[in-house]
Protein backbone atom coordinates (compact mmCIF):
# COMPACT_ATOMS: atom_id res chain seq x y z
CA MET A 1 -13.74 81.53 123.20
CA ILE A 2 -16.62 82.91 121.11
CA GLU A 3 -19.90 83.45 122.98
CA LEU A 4 -23.27 84.19 121.40
CA GLU A 5 -26.23 85.13 123.59
CA GLY A 6 -29.72 85.73 122.21
CA LEU A 7 -28.25 86.89 118.91
CA THR A 8 -30.92 88.13 116.47
CA LYS A 9 -30.66 89.82 113.08
CA ARG A 10 -33.59 91.16 111.07
CA TYR A 11 -33.62 92.53 107.55
CA GLY A 12 -37.02 94.18 107.37
CA GLU A 13 -39.56 91.39 107.80
CA LYS A 14 -36.94 88.70 107.27
CA VAL A 15 -35.43 87.16 110.42
CA ALA A 16 -32.02 85.86 109.36
CA VAL A 17 -30.83 84.88 112.87
CA ASN A 18 -33.33 84.20 115.63
CA ASN A 19 -32.34 84.30 119.32
CA LEU A 20 -29.18 82.27 118.78
CA SER A 21 -27.10 81.25 121.82
CA PHE A 22 -24.08 78.95 121.92
CA THR A 23 -20.38 78.93 122.82
CA VAL A 24 -17.45 77.97 120.61
CA ARG A 25 -14.82 76.53 122.94
CA PRO A 26 -11.04 76.22 122.60
CA GLY A 27 -9.19 72.97 122.00
CA ILE A 28 -11.73 71.42 119.62
CA ILE A 29 -13.03 71.96 116.09
CA THR A 30 -16.62 73.17 116.15
CA GLY A 31 -18.53 72.58 112.91
CA PHE A 32 -21.26 75.05 111.97
CA LEU A 33 -23.99 73.45 109.84
CA GLY A 34 -27.29 74.50 108.36
CA PRO A 35 -29.20 74.52 105.05
CA ASN A 36 -28.79 77.36 102.58
CA GLY A 37 -30.33 80.50 104.04
CA ALA A 38 -30.11 79.19 107.62
CA GLY A 39 -28.14 82.25 108.80
CA LYS A 40 -24.62 80.84 109.08
CA SER A 41 -22.83 83.56 107.12
CA THR A 42 -24.83 86.30 108.84
CA THR A 43 -23.87 84.86 112.21
CA MET A 44 -20.19 84.79 111.29
CA ARG A 45 -20.37 88.38 110.02
CA MET A 46 -21.85 89.49 113.34
CA VAL A 47 -19.02 87.79 115.22
CA LEU A 48 -16.60 90.00 113.28
CA GLY A 49 -18.66 93.16 113.62
CA LEU A 50 -19.41 93.31 109.89
CA ASP A 51 -23.15 93.21 110.62
CA ARG A 52 -24.72 94.74 113.71
CA PRO A 53 -27.16 92.51 115.64
CA THR A 54 -30.76 93.66 115.94
CA SER A 55 -30.61 92.32 119.49
CA GLY A 56 -28.48 90.00 121.57
CA ASP A 57 -24.74 89.93 122.01
CA VAL A 58 -21.62 88.23 120.66
CA ARG A 59 -18.23 88.39 122.40
CA ILE A 60 -14.69 87.25 121.64
CA ASP A 61 -12.82 86.46 124.85
CA GLY A 62 -15.36 88.63 126.65
CA LYS A 63 -15.07 91.62 124.29
CA HIS A 64 -16.89 92.91 121.23
CA TYR A 65 -14.84 92.76 118.04
CA ASP A 66 -14.51 96.57 117.85
CA GLN A 67 -13.00 96.56 121.36
CA LEU A 68 -10.10 94.34 120.31
CA LYS A 69 -6.73 95.99 119.85
CA ASP A 70 -4.98 94.47 116.83
CA PRO A 71 -7.92 92.09 116.21
CA LEU A 72 -5.99 89.78 113.85
CA THR A 73 -3.97 88.63 116.85
CA TYR A 74 -7.21 87.57 118.58
CA ILE A 75 -9.27 86.07 115.75
CA GLY A 76 -8.45 85.23 112.14
CA ALA A 77 -11.22 84.61 109.64
CA LEU A 78 -11.82 83.44 106.09
CA LEU A 79 -15.30 84.48 104.96
CA GLU A 80 -14.83 85.27 101.26
CA ALA A 81 -12.13 83.72 99.12
CA LYS A 82 -11.33 86.81 97.04
CA ALA A 83 -11.63 89.69 99.50
CA TRP A 84 -8.59 91.61 98.25
CA HIS A 85 -7.43 94.14 95.66
CA GLY A 86 -6.65 92.25 92.45
CA GLY A 87 -3.88 94.65 91.53
CA ARG A 88 -1.81 93.77 94.59
CA SER A 89 0.52 90.85 94.93
CA ALA A 90 -0.16 88.17 97.53
CA TYR A 91 2.80 89.46 99.53
CA ASN A 92 1.63 93.08 99.50
CA HIS A 93 -1.94 92.11 100.37
CA LEU A 94 -0.74 90.33 103.50
CA LEU A 95 1.78 93.07 104.27
CA CYS A 96 -1.02 95.68 104.39
CA LEU A 97 -2.94 93.49 106.82
CA ALA A 98 0.17 92.98 108.93
CA GLN A 99 1.04 96.69 109.12
CA SER A 100 -2.51 97.60 110.16
CA ASN A 101 -2.33 95.18 113.11
CA GLY A 102 1.24 95.68 114.31
CA ILE A 103 2.41 92.33 112.92
CA PRO A 104 6.07 92.06 111.78
CA ALA A 105 6.69 91.71 108.04
CA SER A 106 8.58 88.46 108.68
CA ARG A 107 5.26 86.85 109.55
CA VAL A 108 4.03 87.43 105.96
CA ARG A 109 6.71 85.15 104.58
CA GLU A 110 5.95 82.54 107.23
CA VAL A 111 2.23 82.25 106.39
CA LEU A 112 2.87 82.31 102.64
CA ASP A 113 5.15 79.31 103.16
CA THR A 114 2.57 77.62 105.41
CA VAL A 115 -0.15 77.79 102.75
CA GLY A 116 2.18 76.94 99.86
CA LEU A 117 2.12 80.29 98.01
CA THR A 118 5.78 81.30 98.33
CA ALA A 119 6.39 80.71 94.60
CA VAL A 120 3.62 83.15 93.60
CA ALA A 121 4.05 85.65 96.44
CA ARG A 122 4.95 88.52 94.07
CA LYS A 123 2.25 87.79 91.49
CA LYS A 124 -0.91 89.90 91.28
CA THR A 125 -3.86 88.21 92.92
CA LYS A 126 -6.27 88.95 90.05
CA GLY A 127 -4.76 85.97 88.23
CA PHE A 128 -5.23 83.56 91.12
CA SER A 129 -7.42 80.50 90.77
CA LEU A 130 -10.15 79.78 93.31
CA GLY A 131 -7.89 77.33 95.14
CA MET A 132 -5.01 79.81 95.28
CA GLY A 133 -7.46 82.41 96.55
CA GLN A 134 -8.55 80.06 99.32
CA ARG A 135 -4.94 79.56 100.36
CA LEU A 136 -4.33 83.31 100.43
CA GLY A 137 -7.46 83.82 102.51
CA ILE A 138 -6.28 81.17 104.96
CA ALA A 139 -2.88 82.88 105.10
CA GLY A 140 -4.64 86.11 106.07
CA ALA A 141 -6.52 84.30 108.84
CA LEU A 142 -3.26 82.85 110.20
CA LEU A 143 -1.31 86.09 109.89
CA GLY A 144 -1.70 87.32 113.47
CA ASP A 145 -1.06 83.85 114.97
CA PRO A 146 -4.52 84.20 116.56
CA ARG A 147 -5.96 82.15 119.39
CA MET A 148 -9.26 81.83 117.49
CA LEU A 149 -9.92 80.98 113.83
CA MET A 150 -13.15 81.09 111.86
CA PHE A 151 -13.46 79.55 108.39
CA ASP A 152 -16.46 79.67 106.03
CA GLU A 153 -16.23 76.89 103.39
CA PRO A 154 -12.42 76.58 103.70
CA VAL A 155 -12.06 73.66 101.25
CA ASN A 156 -13.93 75.39 98.42
CA GLY A 157 -11.78 75.20 95.28
CA LEU A 158 -9.02 73.13 96.86
CA ASP A 159 -7.71 69.96 95.24
CA PRO A 160 -7.52 66.69 97.24
CA GLU A 161 -4.04 67.52 98.53
CA GLY A 162 -5.26 70.95 99.63
CA ILE A 163 -8.30 69.50 101.37
CA HIS A 164 -6.09 67.05 103.26
CA TRP A 165 -3.75 69.90 104.20
CA ILE A 166 -6.44 72.26 105.56
CA ARG A 167 -8.06 69.39 107.49
CA ASN A 168 -4.77 68.59 109.22
CA LEU A 169 -4.05 72.28 109.76
CA MET A 170 -7.33 72.77 111.62
CA LYS A 171 -6.70 69.69 113.74
CA THR A 172 -3.22 70.97 114.61
CA LEU A 173 -4.59 74.40 115.56
CA ALA A 174 -7.23 72.84 117.83
CA ALA A 175 -4.61 70.55 119.41
CA GLN A 176 -2.64 73.68 120.28
CA GLY A 177 -5.60 74.85 122.37
CA ARG A 178 -7.01 77.32 119.85
CA THR A 179 -10.67 77.89 119.10
CA VAL A 180 -11.56 76.64 115.60
CA PHE A 181 -15.03 77.44 114.16
CA VAL A 182 -15.72 76.14 110.64
CA SER A 183 -18.74 76.17 108.37
CA SER A 184 -19.08 73.84 105.40
CA HIS A 185 -21.69 72.16 103.19
CA LEU A 186 -19.43 69.14 102.62
CA MET A 187 -20.79 66.64 105.13
CA SER A 188 -18.16 64.01 104.40
CA GLU A 189 -15.39 66.50 105.11
CA MET A 190 -17.06 67.83 108.25
CA ALA A 191 -17.44 64.27 109.54
CA LEU A 192 -13.66 63.83 109.24
CA THR A 193 -12.83 67.20 110.80
CA ALA A 194 -15.24 68.41 113.48
CA ASP A 195 -15.40 67.25 117.10
CA HIS A 196 -18.48 69.28 118.04
CA LEU A 197 -21.44 70.50 115.98
CA VAL A 198 -23.66 73.56 116.10
CA VAL A 199 -26.61 73.17 113.70
CA ILE A 200 -29.06 75.93 112.85
CA GLY A 201 -32.16 76.12 110.65
CA GLN A 202 -34.08 79.25 109.69
CA GLY A 203 -31.86 81.17 112.09
CA ARG A 204 -32.71 79.02 115.12
CA LEU A 205 -30.48 76.64 117.06
CA LEU A 206 -31.31 73.00 116.29
CA ALA A 207 -28.39 71.20 117.91
CA ASP A 208 -25.30 71.95 120.00
CA THR A 209 -23.65 68.62 120.71
CA SER A 210 -20.73 66.29 119.97
CA MET A 211 -20.42 64.67 116.55
CA ALA A 212 -21.11 61.18 117.93
CA GLU A 213 -24.17 62.26 119.91
CA PHE A 214 -25.57 64.20 116.95
CA ILE A 215 -25.42 61.18 114.65
CA ALA A 216 -26.79 58.82 117.32
CA GLU A 217 -29.74 61.09 118.15
CA ASN A 218 -30.76 61.96 114.59
CA SER A 219 -30.34 58.77 112.61
CA ARG A 220 -30.72 55.00 112.66
CA SER A 221 -27.95 52.44 113.16
CA TYR A 222 -28.70 48.79 112.49
CA VAL A 223 -27.20 45.40 111.67
CA ARG A 224 -27.74 43.79 108.25
CA ILE A 225 -27.86 39.97 108.22
CA ARG A 226 -28.06 37.40 105.40
CA THR A 227 -28.29 33.65 106.01
CA PRO A 228 -29.43 30.50 104.17
CA GLN A 229 -31.10 29.43 107.48
CA ARG A 230 -33.55 32.29 107.57
CA GLU A 231 -36.34 30.75 109.65
CA GLN A 232 -33.94 29.36 112.25
CA LEU A 233 -32.35 32.77 112.66
CA LEU A 234 -35.73 34.50 112.96
CA ASP A 235 -36.72 32.05 115.71
CA ALA A 236 -33.43 32.57 117.52
CA LEU A 237 -33.71 36.37 117.34
CA GLN A 238 -37.29 36.26 118.58
CA GLY A 239 -36.32 33.97 121.45
CA ALA A 240 -33.61 36.46 122.47
CA GLY A 241 -36.07 39.36 122.37
CA ILE A 242 -34.41 40.95 119.33
CA LYS A 243 -36.94 42.52 116.97
CA VAL A 244 -36.40 42.27 113.21
CA ALA A 245 -37.30 45.48 111.37
CA GLU A 246 -38.50 43.91 108.09
CA PRO A 247 -38.87 40.12 108.38
CA GLY A 248 -40.00 39.81 104.75
CA ALA A 249 -36.96 41.46 103.23
CA GLU A 250 -34.15 39.46 101.59
CA ALA A 251 -31.65 40.72 104.16
CA LEU A 252 -32.75 40.95 107.78
CA GLU A 253 -32.23 44.14 109.76
CA VAL A 254 -32.14 44.62 113.52
CA ASP A 255 -31.83 48.05 115.13
CA GLY A 256 -28.88 49.02 117.25
CA ASP A 257 -25.15 48.42 117.30
CA ILE A 258 -25.47 44.73 118.25
CA ALA A 259 -23.55 42.88 115.53
CA GLN A 260 -21.43 41.03 118.10
CA ALA A 261 -24.49 39.84 120.02
CA VAL A 262 -26.19 38.63 116.83
CA GLY A 263 -23.03 36.80 115.72
CA GLU A 264 -22.71 35.03 119.08
CA LEU A 265 -26.41 34.12 119.00
CA ALA A 266 -26.06 32.59 115.53
CA ALA A 267 -22.99 30.63 116.62
CA ARG A 268 -24.82 29.14 119.61
CA HIS A 269 -27.59 27.94 117.30
CA GLN A 270 -25.13 26.74 114.63
CA ILE A 271 -26.60 29.11 112.05
CA VAL A 272 -24.47 29.96 109.03
CA LEU A 273 -24.21 33.68 108.27
CA HIS A 274 -23.33 35.01 104.82
CA GLU A 275 -23.38 38.62 106.00
CA LEU A 276 -23.26 40.34 109.37
CA SER A 277 -22.54 44.02 108.83
CA PRO A 278 -23.10 47.00 111.12
CA GLN A 279 -24.72 49.88 109.21
CA ARG A 280 -23.90 53.12 110.98
CA ALA A 281 -25.61 56.29 109.86
CA SER A 282 -23.57 59.06 108.27
CA LEU A 283 -23.44 62.70 109.30
CA GLU A 284 -25.26 63.57 106.08
CA GLU A 285 -28.18 61.28 106.94
CA ALA A 286 -28.42 62.71 110.45
CA PHE A 287 -28.23 66.27 109.14
CA MET A 288 -30.96 65.67 106.55
CA GLN A 289 -33.18 64.13 109.20
CA LEU A 290 -32.80 67.02 111.63
CA THR A 291 -33.08 69.88 109.13
CA ALA A 292 -35.84 68.48 106.91
CA GLU A 293 -38.35 71.04 108.19
CA SER A 294 -35.86 73.94 108.02
CA VAL A 295 -34.89 73.79 104.33
CA GLU A 296 -35.82 77.04 102.62
CA TYR A 297 -35.32 75.95 99.01
CA HIS A 298 -36.82 72.62 97.89
CA ALA A 299 -36.15 71.00 94.51
CA HIS A 300 -38.76 68.76 92.91
CA ASP A 301 -36.80 66.89 90.19
CA GLY A 302 -38.45 68.93 87.43
CA GLN A 303 -41.96 67.99 88.61
CA PRO A 304 -44.51 70.31 90.18
CA PRO A 305 -45.00 69.70 93.92
CA GLY A 306 -47.22 66.68 94.46
CA ALA A 307 -46.63 65.12 91.04
CA ALA A 308 -45.83 61.43 91.02
CA PRO A 309 -42.34 60.51 89.80
CA GLY A 310 -42.39 59.95 86.03
CA GLN A 311 -45.85 61.51 85.66
CA GLN A 312 -46.15 63.70 82.54
CA GLN A 313 -48.01 66.95 83.18
CA PRO A 314 -50.56 68.39 80.72
CA GLY A 315 -48.93 70.66 78.15
CA GLN A 316 -45.42 69.40 78.91
CA PRO A 317 -43.22 67.73 76.27
CA PRO A 318 -42.56 64.03 76.80
CA GLN A 319 -39.81 63.31 79.31
CA GLN A 320 -36.48 62.24 77.87
CA PRO A 321 -35.50 58.65 78.71
CA TRP A 322 -32.00 59.50 79.92
CA GLY A 323 -29.88 56.43 79.53
CA SER A 324 -26.44 55.27 78.57
CA ASP A 325 -26.68 57.05 75.17
CA TRP A 326 -27.29 60.45 76.72
CA LYS A 327 -24.32 62.78 76.10
CA ARG A 328 -23.72 65.12 79.02
CA GLY A 329 -22.53 68.64 78.30
């Protein structure tokens, strides 16, 4: 278990982490989300004792990181993909870590096999690709067979097979009762992986809840309906007390997860439906909704803030009409 209580980190006038409190529990995958500059990496570094908090506390199974004997057997972490000496082989890199934590050399071969690097175990790491580096970093996190694992952008550089592998690995680790704490900017991947979410913005806690509750509370779910008997359906919905969001639109929309009720209502009134589709919000939509006020860096599509889309500004060259003939570099 990882426990944060009132954790704060200042760099001069900049507050990177602001009074952050939450608990990462065993047996589930906890996703750690936030916009760029939200304080995620700083928080993870403080968990590992790499940065000292300005105030507050963070404990691993009730202890500070520097109080852990053989810390790799308590918590394994991947924070930077290429945190090793490029002149060492993958095997020797892991062997140094193992010897410093009282881990048998046989474990090095085991984790190299787990991450699929056995064939390149004796090659120098300076020639590794980003994906190979990710696998070696994950091997280092697994080396001590720890009860807690912390990953920062674990799928970065991995191919589809590698992404599928690390997703299943994290699920297996959580099913074994381990604590799994993972940060990622890939919302689609986090939606497939995490059970629980901790979301921060500008160093502050914004949400600490289950995946399902987070999406339900921060986004809209609705039912999309198309029918050739539009007026009859509108009358039937009104009679049932179901409000239509935009009655003038080509397709009707009603809020909530009520597709079954709408279908049964249409059947009772002998109304033909050409479409009846639940539209459930994605994690990305919910995340964007919650963190809209916490984004530190805003892009403006090449226009100054406040400019209307397509509006040419004085002194600017005419905008290029990008179309099908545009050759991308």
